[in-house]
Amino acid sequence: MKIRIDMTGMRFGRLIGICFAHKSRSGHAHWLFQCDCGTELVAAGGNVRSGRTASCGCLHREICAARLTQHGHRAQHRHDATYRAWQRMKTENEAGVISPAWSDDYARFLADM
């Protein structure tokens, strides 16, 4: 028989345990958590304690957005038109017409434009 660890009020990453939610068919305890962003979610207690689940998903979105915004040109959920044009230009450069400085460096391409 598994012993349920009370996670009420405990903080794990961005999550705070609110109450026990249910037990899965396999016997794993699932808890209701509130994320720092205000979202509530139900997650397996073992995943939260081990760090596999650290937020409602907001942390992952923030990390991905930061990774994709290194040059500062990213719209809400996609790159801006200039960046997309630069990407297309690089993929369609079979004849080698584009300057090597532009093909490797978006910031330089943007500065030259």
N, C-alpha and C. Protein backbone atom coordinates (compact mmCIF):
# COMPACT_ATOMS: atom_id res chain seq x y z
N MET A 1 0.84 -1.18 0.00
CA MET A 1 0.00 0.00 0.00
C MET A 1 0.89 1.25 0.00
N LYS A 2 0.55 2.19 -0.91
CA LYS A 2 1.33 3.42 -1.02
C LYS A 2 0.89 4.42 0.03
N ILE A 3 1.85 5.18 0.53
CA ILE A 3 1.56 6.22 1.50
C ILE A 3 1.44 7.54 0.75
N ARG A 4 0.33 8.22 0.93
CA ARG A 4 0.11 9.50 0.26
C ARG A 4 0.82 10.60 1.03
N ILE A 5 1.67 11.34 0.33
CA ILE A 5 2.39 12.46 0.94
C ILE A 5 1.51 13.70 0.80
N ASP A 6 1.19 14.34 1.91
CA ASP A 6 0.35 15.54 1.89
C ASP A 6 1.14 16.70 1.31
N MET A 7 0.70 17.21 0.18
CA MET A 7 1.39 18.29 -0.50
C MET A 7 0.66 19.63 -0.35
N THR A 8 -0.35 19.67 0.49
CA THR A 8 -1.12 20.89 0.71
C THR A 8 -0.23 21.99 1.28
N GLY A 9 -0.23 23.13 0.61
CA GLY A 9 0.55 24.28 1.07
C GLY A 9 2.03 24.23 0.72
N MET A 10 2.50 23.14 0.14
CA MET A 10 3.93 23.03 -0.20
C MET A 10 4.17 23.64 -1.58
N ARG A 11 5.35 24.26 -1.73
CA ARG A 11 5.73 24.88 -3.00
C ARG A 11 6.73 23.99 -3.73
N PHE A 12 6.48 23.80 -5.02
CA PHE A 12 7.37 23.05 -5.91
C PHE A 12 7.49 23.86 -7.19
N GLY A 13 8.63 24.50 -7.39
CA GLY A 13 8.79 25.36 -8.56
C GLY A 13 7.81 26.51 -8.48
N ARG A 14 6.95 26.62 -9.47
CA ARG A 14 5.93 27.67 -9.48
C ARG A 14 4.58 27.18 -8.94
N LEU A 15 4.53 25.94 -8.47
CA LEU A 15 3.27 25.35 -8.04
C LEU A 15 3.16 25.28 -6.52
N ILE A 16 1.94 25.54 -6.03
CA ILE A 16 1.62 25.40 -4.61
C ILE A 16 0.47 24.41 -4.51
N GLY A 17 0.64 23.40 -3.68
CA GLY A 17 -0.39 22.39 -3.50
C GLY A 17 -1.62 22.95 -2.80
N ILE A 18 -2.79 22.69 -3.38
CA ILE A 18 -4.04 23.17 -2.79
C ILE A 18 -4.75 22.04 -2.04
N CYS A 19 -5.01 20.94 -2.74
CA CYS A 19 -5.69 19.81 -2.09
C CYS A 19 -5.53 18.55 -2.93
N PHE A 20 -5.80 17.42 -2.32
CA PHE A 20 -5.79 16.14 -3.02
C PHE A 20 -6.94 16.13 -4.01
N ALA A 21 -6.68 15.69 -5.25
CA ALA A 21 -7.71 15.68 -6.29
C ALA A 21 -8.31 14.28 -6.46
N HIS A 22 -7.47 13.31 -6.76
CA HIS A 22 -7.95 11.94 -6.95
C HIS A 22 -6.77 10.98 -7.05
N LYS A 23 -7.09 9.72 -7.04
CA LYS A 23 -6.08 8.67 -7.20
C LYS A 23 -6.31 8.05 -8.58
N SER A 24 -5.24 7.88 -9.34
CA SER A 24 -5.37 7.32 -10.68
C SER A 24 -5.59 5.81 -10.60
N ARG A 25 -5.90 5.21 -11.72
CA ARG A 25 -6.12 3.76 -11.77
C ARG A 25 -4.88 2.99 -11.32
N SER A 26 -3.72 3.57 -11.59
CA SER A 26 -2.47 2.90 -11.19
C SER A 26 -2.11 3.17 -9.74
N GLY A 27 -2.91 3.97 -9.05
CA GLY A 27 -2.68 4.22 -7.63
C GLY A 27 -1.88 5.47 -7.31
N HIS A 28 -1.56 6.28 -8.33
CA HIS A 28 -0.78 7.49 -8.12
C HIS A 28 -1.71 8.63 -7.67
N ALA A 29 -1.26 9.38 -6.69
CA ALA A 29 -2.04 10.51 -6.17
C ALA A 29 -1.88 11.72 -7.08
N HIS A 30 -3.00 12.32 -7.42
CA HIS A 30 -3.01 13.55 -8.20
C HIS A 30 -3.53 14.67 -7.31
N TRP A 31 -2.89 15.81 -7.42
CA TRP A 31 -3.19 16.94 -6.56
C TRP A 31 -3.60 18.15 -7.39
N LEU A 32 -4.39 19.01 -6.78
CA LEU A 32 -4.74 20.29 -7.39
C LEU A 32 -3.68 21.29 -6.96
N PHE A 33 -3.09 21.96 -7.93
CA PHE A 33 -2.04 22.95 -7.68
C PHE A 33 -2.46 24.28 -8.26
N GLN A 34 -1.94 25.35 -7.67
CA GLN A 34 -2.11 26.67 -8.25
C GLN A 34 -0.73 27.18 -8.65
N CYS A 35 -0.65 27.60 -9.89
CA CYS A 35 0.61 28.14 -10.42
C CYS A 35 0.73 29.60 -10.02
N ASP A 36 1.94 30.13 -10.02
CA ASP A 36 2.18 31.53 -9.69
C ASP A 36 1.45 32.47 -10.64
N CYS A 37 1.16 32.00 -11.87
CA CYS A 37 0.46 32.84 -12.84
C CYS A 37 -1.05 32.87 -12.57
N GLY A 38 -1.54 32.04 -11.63
CA GLY A 38 -2.95 32.03 -11.27
C GLY A 38 -3.72 30.84 -11.80
N THR A 39 -3.14 30.08 -12.70
CA THR A 39 -3.81 28.92 -13.29
C THR A 39 -3.81 27.76 -12.30
N GLU A 40 -4.92 27.04 -12.25
CA GLU A 40 -5.00 25.84 -11.43
C GLU A 40 -4.89 24.63 -12.35
N LEU A 41 -4.22 23.59 -11.88
CA LEU A 41 -4.08 22.37 -12.65
C LEU A 41 -4.00 21.18 -11.71
N VAL A 42 -4.35 20.02 -12.25
CA VAL A 42 -4.22 18.76 -11.52
C VAL A 42 -3.02 18.03 -12.11
N ALA A 43 -2.11 17.59 -11.26
CA ALA A 43 -0.90 16.91 -11.71
C ALA A 43 -0.56 15.79 -10.74
N ALA A 44 0.18 14.82 -11.24
CA ALA A 44 0.64 13.70 -10.41
C ALA A 44 1.64 14.22 -9.38
N GLY A 45 1.44 13.87 -8.13
CA GLY A 45 2.31 14.33 -7.06
C GLY A 45 3.76 13.95 -7.27
N GLY A 46 4.01 12.74 -7.76
CA GLY A 46 5.38 12.30 -7.99
C GLY A 46 6.09 13.13 -9.04
N ASN A 47 5.36 13.51 -10.09
CA ASN A 47 5.96 14.34 -11.14
C ASN A 47 6.31 15.72 -10.62
N VAL A 48 5.47 16.26 -9.75
CA VAL A 48 5.73 17.59 -9.20
C VAL A 48 6.91 17.53 -8.23
N ARG A 49 6.92 16.53 -7.36
CA ARG A 49 8.02 16.43 -6.39
C ARG A 49 9.36 16.19 -7.07
N SER A 50 9.38 15.45 -8.17
CA SER A 50 10.64 15.17 -8.86
C SER A 50 11.12 16.32 -9.74
N GLY A 51 10.22 17.29 -10.00
CA GLY A 51 10.59 18.43 -10.83
C GLY A 51 10.21 18.29 -12.28
N ARG A 52 9.63 17.15 -12.67
CA ARG A 52 9.21 16.98 -14.07
C ARG A 52 8.08 17.94 -14.41
N THR A 53 7.25 18.29 -13.44
CA THR A 53 6.20 19.29 -13.61
C THR A 53 6.52 20.44 -12.66
N ALA A 54 6.87 21.60 -13.21
CA ALA A 54 7.26 22.73 -12.37
C ALA A 54 6.31 23.91 -12.48
N SER A 55 5.40 23.86 -13.47
CA SER A 55 4.44 24.94 -13.64
C SER A 55 3.26 24.41 -14.46
N CYS A 56 2.32 25.30 -14.74
CA CYS A 56 1.15 24.92 -15.54
C CYS A 56 1.49 24.86 -17.02
N GLY A 57 2.67 25.25 -17.39
CA GLY A 57 3.09 25.34 -18.79
C GLY A 57 3.61 26.72 -19.11
N CYS A 58 3.36 27.67 -18.20
CA CYS A 58 3.79 29.05 -18.43
C CYS A 58 5.32 29.16 -18.44
N LEU A 59 6.00 28.38 -17.64
CA LEU A 59 7.46 28.40 -17.60
C LEU A 59 8.03 27.97 -18.94
N HIS A 60 7.48 26.90 -19.51
CA HIS A 60 7.93 26.41 -20.81
C HIS A 60 7.72 27.47 -21.89
N ARG A 61 6.56 28.11 -21.89
CA ARG A 61 6.28 29.15 -22.88
C ARG A 61 7.25 30.32 -22.73
N GLU A 62 7.58 30.71 -21.51
CA GLU A 62 8.51 31.82 -21.28
C GLU A 62 9.91 31.46 -21.76
N ILE A 63 10.35 30.24 -21.48
CA ILE A 63 11.69 29.81 -21.90
C ILE A 63 11.77 29.76 -23.42
N CYS A 64 10.75 29.22 -24.07
CA CYS A 64 10.74 29.15 -25.54
C CYS A 64 10.71 30.53 -26.16
N ALA A 65 9.90 31.43 -25.61
CA ALA A 65 9.82 32.79 -26.15
C ALA A 65 11.16 33.50 -26.00
N ALA A 66 11.83 33.32 -24.87
CA ALA A 66 13.13 33.95 -24.67
C ALA A 66 14.17 33.39 -25.64
N ARG A 67 14.09 32.09 -25.89
CA ARG A 67 15.03 31.46 -26.82
C ARG A 67 14.81 31.96 -28.24
N LEU A 68 13.56 32.21 -28.62
CA LEU A 68 13.24 32.64 -29.97
C LEU A 68 13.33 34.15 -30.17
N THR A 69 13.65 34.89 -29.13
CA THR A 69 13.67 36.34 -29.20
C THR A 69 15.06 36.90 -29.04
N GLN A 70 16.07 36.18 -29.45
CA GLN A 70 17.44 36.65 -29.21
C GLN A 70 17.75 37.94 -29.95
N HIS A 71 17.15 38.19 -31.09
CA HIS A 71 17.43 39.41 -31.83
C HIS A 71 16.34 40.46 -31.63
N GLY A 72 15.33 40.17 -30.83
CA GLY A 72 14.30 41.13 -30.51
C GLY A 72 13.21 41.29 -31.54
N HIS A 73 13.13 40.39 -32.51
CA HIS A 73 12.13 40.50 -33.57
C HIS A 73 11.24 39.27 -33.59
N ARG A 74 10.32 39.25 -32.64
CA ARG A 74 9.36 38.15 -32.59
C ARG A 74 8.03 38.75 -32.17
N ALA A 75 7.00 38.46 -32.95
CA ALA A 75 5.67 38.96 -32.63
C ALA A 75 5.07 38.11 -31.51
N GLN A 76 3.78 38.27 -31.25
CA GLN A 76 3.13 37.57 -30.13
C GLN A 76 3.41 36.06 -30.16
N HIS A 77 3.06 35.40 -31.24
CA HIS A 77 3.28 33.95 -31.31
C HIS A 77 4.06 33.55 -32.56
N ARG A 78 4.65 34.51 -33.24
CA ARG A 78 5.39 34.19 -34.46
C ARG A 78 6.42 35.27 -34.74
N HIS A 79 7.34 34.97 -35.62
CA HIS A 79 8.34 35.95 -36.00
C HIS A 79 7.69 37.04 -36.86
N ASP A 80 8.30 38.21 -36.89
CA ASP A 80 7.73 39.28 -37.71
C ASP A 80 8.03 39.03 -39.18
N ALA A 81 7.43 39.84 -40.04
CA ALA A 81 7.52 39.63 -41.49
C ALA A 81 8.95 39.72 -42.01
N THR A 82 9.74 40.63 -41.47
CA THR A 82 11.12 40.78 -41.93
C THR A 82 11.94 39.53 -41.64
N TYR A 83 11.76 38.96 -40.45
CA TYR A 83 12.50 37.76 -40.09
C TYR A 83 12.07 36.58 -40.96
N ARG A 84 10.77 36.46 -41.21
CA ARG A 84 10.28 35.36 -42.07
C ARG A 84 10.81 35.51 -43.49
N ALA A 85 10.89 36.75 -43.99
CA ALA A 85 11.45 36.99 -45.33
C ALA A 85 12.92 36.59 -45.38
N TRP A 86 13.66 36.92 -44.31
CA TRP A 86 15.08 36.53 -44.24
C TRP A 86 15.23 35.01 -44.23
N GLN A 87 14.37 34.32 -43.49
CA GLN A 87 14.41 32.86 -43.47
C GLN A 87 14.12 32.27 -44.86
N ARG A 88 13.09 32.81 -45.53
CA ARG A 88 12.76 32.33 -46.89
C ARG A 88 13.92 32.59 -47.84
N MET A 89 14.51 33.77 -47.72
CA MET A 89 15.62 34.14 -48.58
C MET A 89 16.78 33.17 -48.41
N LYS A 90 17.05 32.75 -47.18
CA LYS A 90 18.15 31.81 -46.93
C LYS A 90 17.85 30.44 -47.53
N THR A 91 16.63 29.95 -47.40
CA THR A 91 16.30 28.61 -47.90
C THR A 91 16.24 28.57 -49.42
N GLU A 92 15.93 29.71 -50.04
CA GLU A 92 15.82 29.76 -51.50
C GLU A 92 17.11 30.22 -52.17
N ASN A 93 18.20 30.28 -51.45
CA ASN A 93 19.48 30.77 -51.94
C ASN A 93 20.29 29.65 -52.58
N GLU A 94 19.75 28.99 -53.56
CA GLU A 94 20.47 27.89 -54.21
C GLU A 94 21.59 28.39 -55.10
N ALA A 95 21.43 29.55 -55.68
CA ALA A 95 22.44 30.08 -56.60
C ALA A 95 23.57 30.80 -55.86
N GLY A 96 23.46 30.98 -54.58
CA GLY A 96 24.51 31.64 -53.81
C GLY A 96 24.55 33.13 -54.01
N VAL A 97 23.42 33.74 -54.30
CA VAL A 97 23.36 35.17 -54.59
C VAL A 97 23.44 36.01 -53.32
N ILE A 98 22.96 35.49 -52.23
CA ILE A 98 22.92 36.25 -50.97
C ILE A 98 24.31 36.31 -50.36
N SER A 99 24.61 37.47 -49.81
CA SER A 99 25.90 37.66 -49.14
C SER A 99 26.04 36.68 -47.97
N PRO A 100 27.21 36.05 -47.81
CA PRO A 100 27.40 35.14 -46.68
C PRO A 100 27.21 35.83 -45.34
N ALA A 101 27.51 37.11 -45.28
CA ALA A 101 27.32 37.84 -44.02
C ALA A 101 25.83 37.90 -43.66
N TRP A 102 24.98 38.01 -44.66
CA TRP A 102 23.54 38.04 -44.41
C TRP A 102 22.99 36.66 -44.09
N SER A 103 23.49 35.65 -44.73
CA SER A 103 22.91 34.32 -44.53
C SER A 103 23.19 33.77 -43.13
N ASP A 104 24.21 34.27 -42.48
CA ASP A 104 24.56 33.77 -41.16
C ASP A 104 24.15 34.70 -40.02
N ASP A 105 23.76 35.94 -40.34
CA ASP A 105 23.55 36.92 -39.27
C ASP A 105 22.34 37.79 -39.57
N TYR A 106 21.24 37.50 -38.89
CA TYR A 106 20.01 38.27 -39.10
C TYR A 106 20.18 39.72 -38.66
N ALA A 107 20.88 39.95 -37.58
CA ALA A 107 21.08 41.32 -37.09
C ALA A 107 21.80 42.17 -38.12
N ARG A 108 22.77 41.59 -38.79
CA ARG A 108 23.51 42.33 -39.84
C ARG A 108 22.60 42.59 -41.03
N PHE A 109 21.81 41.58 -41.43
CA PHE A 109 20.85 41.76 -42.52
C PHE A 109 19.90 42.90 -42.18
N LEU A 110 19.39 42.91 -40.96
CA LEU A 110 18.45 43.95 -40.55
C LEU A 110 19.10 45.33 -40.54
N ALA A 111 20.33 45.41 -40.08
CA ALA A 111 21.05 46.69 -40.04
C ALA A 111 21.29 47.21 -41.47
N ASP A 112 21.61 46.32 -42.39
CA ASP A 112 21.88 46.72 -43.78
C ASP A 112 20.59 47.13 -44.49
N MET A 113 19.48 46.58 -44.06
CA MET A 113 18.21 46.93 -44.71
C MET A 113 17.81 48.32 -44.26
